[in-house]
């Protein structure tokens, strides 16, 4: 997706009510962290490696190592 398409999709997702569960499969962590999400589940090779709030995901050591490039 182009940056403009990502921005448009992000705005569309933000209009969905908090009482609705949505599934987003994305490698764009800026997109994911830019949404007001209650819970994020992170997969690596089909296995759950972390689950929690955006803050929990940002500080999770496995997520940082695999996806954010820092330890």
C-alpha atoms as a PDB file:
ATOM      1  CA  UNK A   1       0.000   0.000   0.000  1.00  0.00           C
ATOM      2  CA  UNK A   2       1.120   3.530  -0.673  1.00  0.00           C
ATOM      3  CA  UNK A   3       1.599   5.900   2.276  1.00  0.00           C
ATOM      4  CA  UNK A   4      -1.609   7.707   1.245  1.00  0.00           C
ATOM      5  CA  UNK A   5      -3.544   4.421   1.229  1.00  0.00           C
ATOM      6  CA  UNK A   6      -2.153   3.496   4.657  1.00  0.00           C
ATOM      7  CA  UNK A   7      -3.205   6.883   6.027  1.00  0.00           C
ATOM      8  CA  UNK A   8      -6.701   6.519   4.572  1.00  0.00           C
ATOM      9  CA  UNK A   9      -7.050   2.999   5.953  1.00  0.00           C
ATOM     10  CA  UNK A  10      -5.841   4.164   9.361  1.00  0.00           C
ATOM     11  CA  UNK A  11      -8.490   6.876   9.441  1.00  0.00           C
ATOM     12  CA  UNK A  12     -11.170   4.359   8.420  1.00  0.00           C
ATOM     13  CA  UNK A  13     -10.113   1.964  11.196  1.00  0.00           C
ATOM     14  CA  UNK A  14     -10.287   4.784  13.742  1.00  0.00           C
ATOM     15  CA  UNK A  15     -14.001   5.259  12.923  1.00  0.00           C
ATOM     16  CA  UNK A  16     -14.847   1.694  13.993  1.00  0.00           C
ATOM     17  CA  UNK A  17     -16.464   1.559  17.418  1.00  0.00           C
ATOM     18  CA  UNK A  18     -14.471   0.282  20.406  1.00  0.00           C
ATOM     19  CA  UNK A  19     -17.058  -2.472  20.862  1.00  0.00           C
ATOM     20  CA  UNK A  20     -15.990  -4.090  17.577  1.00  0.00           C
ATOM     21  CA  UNK A  21     -13.119  -6.530  17.279  1.00  0.00           C
ATOM     22  CA  UNK A  22     -10.954  -6.109  14.203  1.00  0.00           C
ATOM     23  CA  UNK A  23      -8.046  -8.161  12.946  1.00  0.00           C
ATOM     24  CA  UNK A  24      -5.217  -6.340  11.220  1.00  0.00           C
ATOM     25  CA  UNK A  25      -2.295  -8.213   9.764  1.00  0.00           C
ATOM     26  CA  UNK A  26       0.488  -5.719   9.185  1.00  0.00           C
ATOM     27  CA  UNK A  27       4.218  -5.317   9.340  1.00  0.00           C
ATOM     28  CA  UNK A  28       3.891  -1.537   9.602  1.00  0.00           C
ATOM     29  CA  UNK A  29       4.334  -1.033  13.338  1.00  0.00           C
ATOM     30  CA  UNK A  30       3.957   2.734  12.995  1.00  0.00           C
ATOM     31  CA  UNK A  31       0.445   2.052  11.685  1.00  0.00           C
ATOM     32  CA  UNK A  32      -0.357  -0.355  14.514  1.00  0.00           C
ATOM     33  CA  UNK A  33       1.019   1.895  17.249  1.00  0.00           C
ATOM     34  CA  UNK A  34      -0.805   4.872  15.714  1.00  0.00           C
ATOM     35  CA  UNK A  35      -4.188   3.275  16.296  1.00  0.00           C
ATOM     36  CA  UNK A  36      -6.022   3.413  19.626  1.00  0.00           C
ATOM     37  CA  UNK A  37      -5.929  -0.338  20.265  1.00  0.00           C
ATOM     38  CA  UNK A  38      -6.739  -2.096  23.522  1.00  0.00           C
ATOM     39  CA  UNK A  39      -4.796  -5.263  22.769  1.00  0.00           C
ATOM     40  CA  UNK A  40      -2.168  -6.322  20.244  1.00  0.00           C
ATOM     41  CA  UNK A  41      -1.111  -9.890  19.529  1.00  0.00           C
ATOM     42  CA  UNK A  42       2.292 -10.327  17.890  1.00  0.00           C
ATOM     43  CA  UNK A  43       3.088 -13.456  15.878  1.00  0.00           C
ATOM     44  CA  UNK A  44       6.457 -14.708  14.710  1.00  0.00           C
ATOM     45  CA  UNK A  45       6.460 -17.683  12.328  1.00  0.00           C
ATOM     46  CA  UNK A  46       2.850 -18.383  13.296  1.00  0.00           C
ATOM     47  CA  UNK A  47       3.498 -18.442  17.048  1.00  0.00           C
ATOM     48  CA  UNK A  48       2.259 -15.853  19.533  1.00  0.00           C
ATOM     49  CA  UNK A  49       5.291 -14.165  21.066  1.00  0.00           C
ATOM     50  CA  UNK A  50       3.535 -11.299  22.863  1.00  0.00           C
ATOM     51  CA  UNK A  51       0.093 -10.023  23.678  1.00  0.00           C
ATOM     52  CA  UNK A  52      -0.992  -6.922  25.521  1.00  0.00           C
ATOM     53  CA  UNK A  53      -1.429  -3.178  25.386  1.00  0.00           C
ATOM     54  CA  UNK A  54       0.543  -1.109  22.883  1.00  0.00           C
ATOM     55  CA  UNK A  55       2.847  -0.044  25.744  1.00  0.00           C
ATOM     56  CA  UNK A  56       3.424  -3.685  26.727  1.00  0.00           C
ATOM     57  CA  UNK A  57       4.227  -4.601  23.130  1.00  0.00           C
ATOM     58  CA  UNK A  58       6.679  -1.707  22.686  1.00  0.00           C
ATOM     59  CA  UNK A  59       8.702  -2.795  25.705  1.00  0.00           C
ATOM     60  CA  UNK A  60       8.503  -6.562  25.194  1.00  0.00           C
ATOM     61  CA  UNK A  61      12.065  -7.904  24.767  1.00  0.00           C
ATOM     62  CA  UNK A  62      11.143 -10.497  22.096  1.00  0.00           C
ATOM     63  CA  UNK A  63       9.180  -7.978  20.033  1.00  0.00           C
ATOM     64  CA  UNK A  64      12.010  -5.455  20.314  1.00  0.00           C
ATOM     65  CA  UNK A  65      14.574  -8.020  19.230  1.00  0.00           C
ATOM     66  CA  UNK A  66      12.599  -9.477  16.322  1.00  0.00           C
ATOM     67  CA  UNK A  67      10.612  -6.520  14.970  1.00  0.00           C
ATOM     68  CA  UNK A  68      12.053  -3.317  16.345  1.00  0.00           C
ATOM     69  CA  UNK A  69      15.709  -4.238  15.968  1.00  0.00           C
ATOM     70  CA  UNK A  70      16.760  -3.404  19.493  1.00  0.00           C
ATOM     71  CA  UNK A  71      17.394  -5.456  22.595  1.00  0.00           C
END
